[in-house]
C-alpha atoms as a PDB file:
ATOM      1  CA  MET A   1      60.944 198.438  53.328  1.00  0.00           C
ATOM      2  CA  ALA A   2      62.003 195.128  54.861  1.00  0.00           C
ATOM      3  CA  LEU A   3      58.831 195.038  56.938  1.00  0.00           C
ATOM      4  CA  LEU A   4      56.727 195.622  53.830  1.00  0.00           C
ATOM      5  CA  VAL A   5      58.431 192.687  52.093  1.00  0.00           C
ATOM      6  CA  LEU A   6      57.892 190.581  55.221  1.00  0.00           C
ATOM      7  CA  GLY A   7      54.256 191.547  55.344  1.00  0.00           C
ATOM      8  CA  CYS A   8      53.782 190.689  51.692  1.00  0.00           C
ATOM      9  CA  ILE A   9      55.387 187.241  52.155  1.00  0.00           C
ATOM     10  CA  ALA A  10      53.342 186.608  55.283  1.00  0.00           C
ATOM     11  CA  SER A  11      50.116 187.574  53.542  1.00  0.00           C
ATOM     12  CA  ILE A  12      50.809 185.290  50.614  1.00  0.00           C
ATOM     13  CA  ALA A  13      51.614 182.444  52.981  1.00  0.00           C
ATOM     14  CA  SER A  14      48.367 183.180  54.832  1.00  0.00           C
ATOM     15  CA  ALA A  15      46.403 183.029  51.637  1.00  0.00           C
ATOM     16  CA  ILE A  16      47.995 179.685  50.648  1.00  0.00           C
ATOM     17  CA  THR A  17      47.676 177.966  54.042  1.00  0.00           C
ATOM     18  CA  GLY A  18      44.418 179.633  55.186  1.00  0.00           C
ATOM     19  CA  VAL A  19      45.839 180.555  58.607  1.00  0.00           C
ATOM     20  CA  GLN A  20      44.665 183.994  59.673  1.00  0.00           C
ATOM     21  CA  SER A  21      46.297 184.215  63.082  1.00  0.00           C
ATOM     22  CA  PHE A  22      47.787 182.099  65.840  1.00  0.00           C
ATOM     23  CA  TYR A  23      48.201 182.497  69.591  1.00  0.00           C
ATOM     24  CA  TRP A  24      50.688 180.770  71.876  1.00  0.00           C
ATOM     25  CA  SER A  25      51.193 181.265  75.616  1.00  0.00           C
ATOM     26  CA  SER A  26      52.563 179.346  78.571  1.00  0.00           C
ATOM     27  CA  HIS A  27      51.599 179.939  82.187  1.00  0.00           C
ATOM     28  CA  ASN A  28      52.918 177.805  85.058  1.00  0.00           C
ATOM     29  CA  GLY A  29      53.975 175.021  82.697  1.00  0.00           C
ATOM     30  CA  ALA A  30      50.605 174.874  80.895  1.00  0.00           C
ATOM     31  CA  VAL A  31      50.715 175.737  77.197  1.00  0.00           C
ATOM     32  CA  GLU A  32      47.799 177.403  75.472  1.00  0.00           C
ATOM     33  CA  SER A  33      47.613 177.660  71.722  1.00  0.00           C
ATOM     34  CA  SER A  34      44.979 178.405  69.137  1.00  0.00           C
ATOM     35  CA  VAL A  35      44.872 178.902  65.368  1.00  0.00           C
ATOM     36  CA  THR A  36      42.307 180.957  63.509  1.00  0.00           C
ATOM     37  CA  TYR A  37      41.563 180.207  59.853  1.00  0.00           C
ATOM     38  CA  TRP A  38      40.176 182.431  57.083  1.00  0.00           C
ATOM     39  CA  GLN A  39      36.491 181.616  56.493  1.00  0.00           C
ATOM     40  CA  GLY A  40      35.023 181.298  52.972  1.00  0.00           C
ATOM     41  CA  SER A  41      35.826 183.937  50.403  1.00  0.00           C
ATOM     42  CA  ARG A  42      37.487 186.161  53.004  1.00  0.00           C
ATOM     43  CA  ARG A  43      40.661 184.185  52.314  1.00  0.00           C
ATOM     44  CA  TRP A  44      41.184 186.420  49.267  1.00  0.00           C
ATOM     45  CA  LEU A  45      41.496 189.346  51.658  1.00  0.00           C
ATOM     46  CA  ALA A  46      45.033 188.078  52.472  1.00  0.00           C
ATOM     47  CA  LEU A  47      45.940 188.600  48.810  1.00  0.00           C
ATOM     48  CA  VAL A  48      44.565 192.148  48.941  1.00  0.00           C
ATOM     49  CA  TYR A  49      46.819 192.800  51.931  1.00  0.00           C
ATOM     50  CA  ALA A  50      49.765 191.351  49.996  1.00  0.00           C
ATOM     51  CA  ALA A  51      49.034 193.600  47.019  1.00  0.00           C
ATOM     52  CA  VAL A  52      48.829 196.711  49.251  1.00  0.00           C
ATOM     53  CA  PHE A  53      52.196 195.824  50.863  1.00  0.00           C
ATOM     54  CA  ALA A  54      53.747 195.214  47.451  1.00  0.00           C
ATOM     55  CA  ILE A  55      52.447 198.467  45.919  1.00  0.00           C
ATOM     56  CA  THR A  56      53.588 200.463  48.919  1.00  0.00           C
ATOM     57  CA  PHE A  57      57.014 198.840  48.770  1.00  0.00           C
ATOM     58  CA  TYR A  58      57.351 199.639  45.052  1.00  0.00           C
ATOM     59  CA  GLY A  59      56.190 203.217  45.677  1.00  0.00           C
ATOM     60  CA  ILE A  60      58.779 203.773  48.368  1.00  0.00           C
ATOM     61  CA  TYR A  61      61.472 202.086  46.285  1.00  0.00           C
ATOM     62  CA  ARG A  62      60.711 204.483  43.415  1.00  0.00           C
ATOM     63  CA  ARG A  63      60.326 207.406  45.857  1.00  0.00           C
ATOM     64  CA  PHE A  64      56.742 208.296  44.933  1.00  0.00           C
ATOM     65  CA  PRO A  65      55.435 210.965  47.399  1.00  0.00           C
ATOM     66  CA  LEU A  66      52.028 209.285  47.692  1.00  0.00           C
ATOM     67  CA  ALA A  67      53.600 206.046  48.934  1.00  0.00           C
ATOM     68  CA  TRP A  68      55.479 207.904  51.692  1.00  0.00           C
ATOM     69  CA  SER A  69      52.259 209.359  52.981  1.00  0.00           C
ATOM     70  CA  ALA A  70      50.685 205.878  53.069  1.00  0.00           C
ATOM     71  CA  VAL A  71      53.315 204.669  55.522  1.00  0.00           C
END
């Protein structure tokens, strides 16, 4: 359940900031990093992810059998 809450919070933060993903690596002292942003209307997809996480969390919290099969 904690991971579902974390996923919901991360998805909302992604929708607000527009950041889709980030990558960070260091090899032999050289640091590589990149940030990918949501493009256009696909930014709303992060809110869909947040809603799915929230609904699944609520279903598990209330012990609905359908929510358990979704996880």
